Amino acid sequence: MKIAIIGGDLRYIEVIRRLTKLDATVYLIGYDQLDDGFLGVEKTSFATIQIGQLDAIILPVNGMKHDHEIDSVFSGEKLYLTEKWLGNTPEKTKIYTGISTDTLSLLVKKTDRELIELMNRDDLAIYNSIPTAEGTLMLAIQNTNVTIHRSNVVVTGFGRVGTTIARLFHSLGANVKVVAKEGALRARAYEMNLDPYPLEELVHVVKDADMIVNTIPALVITSEVISKMPSHAFIIDIAAYPGGTNFEFAKKRAVKALLAPGLPGLVAPKTAGVQLANLLSTLLKTQWEKEEGGKGK
């Protein structure tokens, strides 16, 4: 296969290693600061890559920003994925990303390409929740002056990541309140001996909070919610960019708030990278087998 990896973080070192072992030809865009040492890997750019035979494109876990920018920790230059460039790839080219944004979804729709969102899969999302929870705990310890034990922690959202975070803080003795829209999720929180609340009660739940961990990718930590928090409260927003917090109002009120998406790539890039590489190699193998099988019919 011929695969282009565009941008990414330290997790993608493991992805590159795995794909080269599968005898794929890997093109790297946005990796000019990466040390060489991989066989079968070619550093290139949007302008110079031969895209006519690409089978797959791998984007960063966080996909693409609203201005079409692609994040890369291995380049000092900004990367932008355009409709014209993507439209010149073969129709068979599949795009793999962790999560999508409205901009990326629209781009893929306009160019009639197939987009695979890896974080929609329960297996990878649950694996990914472990380093995310550990990174959240690290930030909580570094940025507060109270112990986790007996602290009041509010977790907004109780999906695959929120569940792991709530369980970790609860296991360390924190008083954990879970705020979730869905009744079934609140029932699960109750079963785990956590205190569940509906989303509309968030403004009241935060009144005695030491920490608020947001996992919902929508504006839920509003100015009204922030105004009810204690001044010492610390907000950790791990939702996808731009998060779910009114950061400007938090700053005005001197409430410490931190947007921290992509924690696995910061705190455990090797572990998270291996999990990502395992899934990608499986999906790419399946794609290749289907394409080769179709040619033989």
Protein backbone atom coordinates (compact mmCIF):
# COMPACT_ATOMS: atom_id res chain seq x y z
CA MET A 1 0.00 0.00 0.00
CA LYS A 2 0.96 3.62 -0.46
CA ILE A 3 0.03 5.65 2.60
CA ALA A 4 0.45 9.34 3.40
CA ILE A 5 0.67 10.38 7.05
CA ILE A 6 -0.10 14.08 7.37
CA GLY A 7 0.81 15.66 10.68
CA GLY A 8 0.39 14.01 14.06
CA ASP A 9 2.05 13.79 17.45
CA LEU A 10 4.46 11.41 19.18
CA ARG A 11 1.97 8.55 18.91
CA TYR A 12 2.61 8.45 15.20
CA ILE A 13 6.16 7.19 15.66
CA GLU A 14 4.63 3.83 16.58
CA VAL A 15 2.26 4.04 13.62
CA ILE A 16 5.15 4.64 11.24
CA ARG A 17 7.10 1.73 12.73
CA ARG A 18 4.17 -0.65 12.36
CA LEU A 19 3.29 0.32 8.80
CA THR A 20 6.86 0.00 7.55
CA LYS A 21 6.98 -3.51 9.03
CA LEU A 22 3.94 -4.33 6.90
CA ASP A 23 5.96 -3.40 3.81
CA ALA A 24 3.85 -0.34 3.07
CA THR A 25 5.31 2.70 1.35
CA VAL A 26 4.86 5.57 3.79
CA TYR A 27 5.00 9.23 2.81
CA LEU A 28 5.36 11.77 5.62
CA ILE A 29 4.03 15.31 5.28
CA GLY A 30 4.88 17.69 8.10
CA TYR A 31 7.79 15.66 9.46
CA ASP A 32 10.77 17.78 8.46
CA GLN A 33 12.05 17.84 12.07
CA LEU A 34 11.78 14.08 12.58
CA ASP A 35 15.10 12.24 12.73
CA ASP A 36 15.61 9.75 9.93
CA GLY A 37 15.97 6.05 10.60
CA PHE A 38 12.86 4.45 9.13
CA LEU A 39 13.15 2.17 6.12
CA GLY A 40 10.56 2.63 3.40
CA VAL A 41 9.64 6.12 4.56
CA GLU A 42 9.85 9.24 2.42
CA LYS A 43 9.58 12.79 3.77
CA THR A 44 7.68 14.91 1.32
CA SER A 45 5.18 17.78 1.07
CA PHE A 46 1.76 18.53 -0.39
CA ALA A 47 3.46 20.01 -3.46
CA THR A 48 5.92 17.20 -4.19
CA ILE A 49 4.15 13.98 -3.19
CA GLN A 50 3.00 11.72 -6.01
CA ILE A 51 -0.62 11.38 -4.94
CA GLY A 52 -1.92 9.49 -7.97
CA GLN A 53 -1.53 6.07 -6.35
CA LEU A 54 -2.34 6.81 -2.70
CA ASP A 55 -4.42 4.13 -1.03
CA ALA A 56 -4.86 5.89 2.32
CA ILE A 57 -4.28 9.16 4.16
CA ILE A 58 -3.79 9.20 7.92
CA LEU A 59 -4.56 12.46 9.71
CA PRO A 60 -3.85 13.36 13.35
CA VAL A 61 -6.11 12.01 16.08
CA ASN A 62 -7.70 15.44 16.45
CA GLY A 63 -8.44 15.60 12.73
CA MET A 64 -8.36 19.06 11.22
CA LYS A 65 -9.01 22.53 12.61
CA HIS A 66 -11.79 24.75 11.31
CA ASP A 67 -9.34 26.72 9.13
CA HIS A 68 -8.10 23.47 7.49
CA GLU A 69 -4.87 23.45 9.53
CA ILE A 70 -3.36 20.06 10.40
CA ASP A 71 -1.38 19.80 13.63
CA SER A 72 2.13 18.35 13.59
CA VAL A 73 4.68 18.35 16.40
CA PHE A 74 7.40 17.42 13.88
CA SER A 75 7.27 20.58 11.77
CA GLY A 76 7.77 24.27 12.33
CA GLU A 77 5.60 25.13 9.35
CA LYS A 78 1.81 25.14 9.27
CA LEU A 79 0.02 22.48 7.23
CA TYR A 80 -3.29 23.05 5.45
CA LEU A 81 -5.33 20.33 3.77
CA THR A 82 -7.19 21.83 0.82
CA GLU A 83 -10.14 20.63 -1.22
CA LYS A 84 -8.11 20.88 -4.44
CA TRP A 85 -5.31 18.65 -3.11
CA LEU A 86 -7.64 16.03 -1.67
CA GLY A 87 -9.73 16.04 -4.83
CA ASN A 88 -6.65 15.03 -6.85
CA THR A 89 -6.19 11.80 -4.89
CA PRO A 90 -7.60 8.58 -6.38
CA GLU A 91 -11.29 7.96 -5.70
CA LYS A 92 -10.37 4.81 -3.75
CA THR A 93 -8.27 6.78 -1.25
CA LYS A 94 -9.58 6.42 2.29
CA ILE A 95 -8.97 9.01 5.00
CA TYR A 96 -8.32 7.86 8.55
CA THR A 97 -8.59 10.23 11.51
CA GLY A 98 -9.24 10.00 15.23
CA ILE A 99 -12.17 12.38 15.34
CA SER A 100 -13.72 14.58 12.70
CA THR A 101 -14.74 18.22 12.71
CA ASP A 102 -17.47 19.92 10.72
CA THR A 103 -14.80 21.31 8.40
CA LEU A 104 -13.21 17.93 7.77
CA SER A 105 -16.56 16.21 7.26
CA LEU A 106 -17.58 18.86 4.73
CA LEU A 107 -14.24 18.60 2.91
CA VAL A 108 -14.54 14.82 2.61
CA LYS A 109 -18.13 15.14 1.41
CA LYS A 110 -17.18 17.68 -1.27
CA THR A 111 -14.38 15.45 -2.58
CA ASP A 112 -16.47 12.27 -2.29
CA ARG A 113 -13.90 10.38 -0.23
CA GLU A 114 -14.50 7.87 2.56
CA LEU A 115 -13.67 9.01 6.10
CA ILE A 116 -12.99 6.54 8.91
CA GLU A 117 -13.17 7.98 12.45
CA LEU A 118 -11.11 5.73 14.67
CA MET A 119 -12.37 7.13 17.97
CA ASN A 120 -15.89 6.08 17.08
CA ARG A 121 -14.77 2.55 17.85
CA ASP A 122 -15.32 1.44 21.42
CA ASP A 123 -12.09 -0.56 21.60
CA LEU A 124 -9.70 2.27 20.74
CA ALA A 125 -11.69 4.91 22.64
CA ILE A 126 -11.63 2.81 25.82
CA TYR A 127 -7.92 2.05 25.46
CA ASN A 128 -7.35 5.75 24.86
CA SER A 129 -9.32 6.70 27.96
CA ILE A 130 -6.63 5.21 30.23
CA PRO A 131 -3.77 7.62 29.39
CA THR A 132 -6.35 10.41 29.15
CA ALA A 133 -7.46 9.76 32.72
CA GLU A 134 -3.88 9.52 33.95
CA GLY A 135 -3.02 12.79 32.22
CA THR A 136 -6.08 14.46 33.75
CA LEU A 137 -5.00 13.29 37.19
CA MET A 138 -1.49 14.66 36.56
CA LEU A 139 -2.89 18.08 35.63
CA ALA A 140 -5.16 18.09 38.67
CA ILE A 141 -2.25 17.40 41.01
CA GLN A 142 -0.01 19.99 39.34
CA ASN A 143 -2.56 22.80 39.30
CA THR A 144 -4.39 22.56 42.63
CA ASN A 145 -3.39 22.97 46.27
CA VAL A 146 -5.68 20.26 47.66
CA THR A 147 -5.39 16.49 47.72
CA ILE A 148 -7.45 14.41 45.33
CA HIS A 149 -8.65 12.51 48.39
CA ARG A 150 -11.79 14.22 49.76
CA SER A 151 -11.77 16.83 47.00
CA ASN A 152 -15.00 17.65 45.16
CA VAL A 153 -14.71 16.66 41.51
CA VAL A 154 -17.35 17.23 38.84
CA VAL A 155 -17.11 15.22 35.62
CA THR A 156 -19.28 16.48 32.76
CA GLY A 157 -20.08 13.74 30.30
CA PHE A 158 -20.04 10.05 31.13
CA GLY A 159 -19.03 8.38 27.92
CA ARG A 160 -16.05 6.10 27.46
CA VAL A 161 -13.53 8.71 28.62
CA GLY A 162 -15.65 10.30 31.34
CA THR A 163 -16.35 6.92 32.90
CA THR A 164 -12.65 6.09 33.21
CA ILE A 165 -11.83 9.52 34.64
CA ALA A 166 -14.65 9.38 37.20
CA ARG A 167 -13.62 5.88 38.26
CA LEU A 168 -9.98 6.91 38.72
CA PHE A 169 -10.75 9.97 40.85
CA HIS A 170 -13.31 8.01 42.87
CA SER A 171 -10.75 5.27 43.56
CA LEU A 172 -8.43 7.91 45.03
CA GLY A 173 -11.07 9.05 47.49
CA ALA A 174 -12.53 12.06 45.69
CA ASN A 175 -16.19 12.97 45.99
CA VAL A 176 -17.18 12.58 42.36
CA LYS A 177 -20.33 14.08 40.84
CA VAL A 178 -21.24 13.05 37.31
CA VAL A 179 -23.27 15.34 35.07
CA ALA A 180 -24.78 13.68 32.02
CA LYS A 181 -27.69 14.32 29.70
CA GLU A 182 -28.74 10.70 29.18
CA GLY A 183 -30.64 8.94 31.94
CA ALA A 184 -28.94 5.61 31.20
CA LEU A 185 -25.53 7.16 31.82
CA ARG A 186 -26.69 8.67 35.10
CA ALA A 187 -27.99 5.24 36.10
CA ARG A 188 -24.57 3.74 35.40
CA ALA A 189 -22.93 6.46 37.50
CA TYR A 190 -25.33 5.65 40.34
CA GLU A 191 -24.45 1.96 40.05
CA MET A 192 -20.75 2.90 40.40
CA ASN A 193 -21.54 4.72 43.67
CA LEU A 194 -21.07 8.14 42.10
CA ASP A 195 -23.48 11.07 42.43
CA PRO A 196 -25.35 11.61 39.12
CA TYR A 197 -27.05 14.83 37.98
CA PRO A 198 -28.77 15.92 34.75
CA LEU A 199 -26.97 18.46 32.60
CA GLU A 200 -29.45 21.25 33.38
CA GLU A 201 -28.39 21.09 37.05
CA LEU A 202 -24.71 21.73 36.32
CA VAL A 203 -24.96 25.35 37.41
CA HIS A 204 -25.91 24.16 40.91
CA VAL A 205 -23.57 21.15 41.05
CA VAL A 206 -20.39 23.24 40.66
CA LYS A 207 -21.00 25.46 43.70
CA ASP A 208 -18.56 23.54 45.91
CA ALA A 209 -16.34 22.05 43.18
CA ASP A 210 -12.57 21.92 43.54
CA MET A 211 -12.14 20.52 40.03
CA ILE A 212 -14.34 20.28 36.96
CA VAL A 213 -13.37 17.87 34.20
CA ASN A 214 -15.26 18.43 30.96
CA THR A 215 -15.46 15.73 28.30
CA ILE A 216 -18.40 17.14 26.31
CA PRO A 217 -17.43 18.72 22.94
CA ALA A 218 -20.01 21.49 23.21
CA LEU A 219 -20.27 24.69 25.25
CA VAL A 220 -21.49 23.43 28.63
CA ILE A 221 -19.15 25.28 31.02
CA THR A 222 -20.85 28.59 30.27
CA SER A 223 -20.37 32.00 31.89
CA GLU A 224 -23.37 31.25 34.12
CA VAL A 225 -21.82 27.98 35.29
CA ILE A 226 -18.41 29.57 35.87
CA SER A 227 -19.97 32.41 37.87
CA LYS A 228 -21.29 29.87 40.38
CA MET A 229 -17.92 28.15 40.92
CA PRO A 230 -15.62 28.85 43.88
CA SER A 231 -12.71 31.10 42.91
CA HIS A 232 -10.22 28.30 43.58
CA ALA A 233 -11.94 25.83 41.20
CA PHE A 234 -9.82 24.36 38.41
CA ILE A 235 -11.35 23.45 35.05
CA ILE A 236 -9.71 20.73 32.95
CA ASP A 237 -11.32 20.61 29.52
CA ILE A 238 -10.27 17.52 27.57
CA ALA A 239 -12.92 17.79 24.86
CA ALA A 240 -11.82 18.24 21.27
CA TYR A 241 -10.79 21.74 20.21
CA PRO A 242 -12.18 24.31 21.00
CA GLY A 243 -13.49 22.51 24.08
CA GLY A 244 -16.68 23.10 25.99
CA THR A 245 -15.64 26.00 28.26
CA ASN A 246 -16.05 29.76 28.03
CA PHE A 247 -12.33 30.36 28.57
CA GLU A 248 -12.57 34.13 28.14
CA PHE A 249 -15.07 34.45 30.98
CA ALA A 250 -13.04 32.07 33.16
CA LYS A 251 -10.01 34.30 32.67
CA LYS A 252 -12.02 37.43 33.55
CA ARG A 253 -13.20 35.80 36.74
CA ALA A 254 -9.69 34.48 37.53
CA VAL A 255 -10.85 30.88 37.46
CA LYS A 256 -8.03 28.64 36.25
CA ALA A 257 -9.11 26.77 33.11
CA LEU A 258 -7.00 24.59 30.86
CA LEU A 259 -7.83 23.14 27.45
CA ALA A 260 -6.02 19.82 27.24
CA PRO A 261 -7.06 17.68 24.27
CA GLY A 262 -4.77 14.92 23.06
CA LEU A 263 -3.45 13.96 26.51
CA PRO A 264 -2.49 10.40 25.45
CA GLY A 265 0.01 11.86 23.00
CA LEU A 266 1.58 13.89 25.79
CA VAL A 267 1.64 11.55 28.78
CA ALA A 268 1.89 8.09 27.19
CA PRO A 269 2.67 8.41 23.48
CA LYS A 270 4.27 4.97 23.20
CA THR A 271 1.38 3.06 24.79
CA ALA A 272 -1.27 5.10 22.99
CA GLY A 273 0.71 4.90 19.76
CA VAL A 274 0.92 1.10 19.87
CA GLN A 275 -2.86 0.87 20.33
CA LEU A 276 -3.42 3.27 17.45
CA ALA A 277 -0.94 1.39 15.26
CA ASN A 278 -2.60 -1.97 16.04
CA LEU A 279 -5.99 -0.71 14.90
CA LEU A 280 -4.71 1.12 11.83
CA SER A 281 -2.69 -1.87 10.65
CA THR A 282 -5.77 -4.10 10.96
CA LEU A 283 -8.02 -1.66 9.09
CA LEU A 284 -5.46 -1.04 6.36
CA LYS A 285 -4.92 -4.78 5.88
CA THR A 286 -8.66 -5.22 5.50
CA GLN A 287 -8.83 -2.35 3.01
CA TRP A 288 -5.99 -3.83 0.97
CA GLU A 289 -7.49 -7.32 0.92
CA LYS A 290 -10.84 -5.96 -0.27
CA GLU A 291 -9.20 -3.92 -3.01
CA GLU A 292 -7.04 -6.82 -4.19
CA GLY A 293 -10.01 -9.19 -4.00
CA GLY A 294 -12.05 -6.79 -6.11
CA LYS A 295 -9.35 -6.69 -8.75
CA GLY A 296 -9.43 -10.47 -9.02
CA LYS A 297 -13.15 -10.65 -9.77
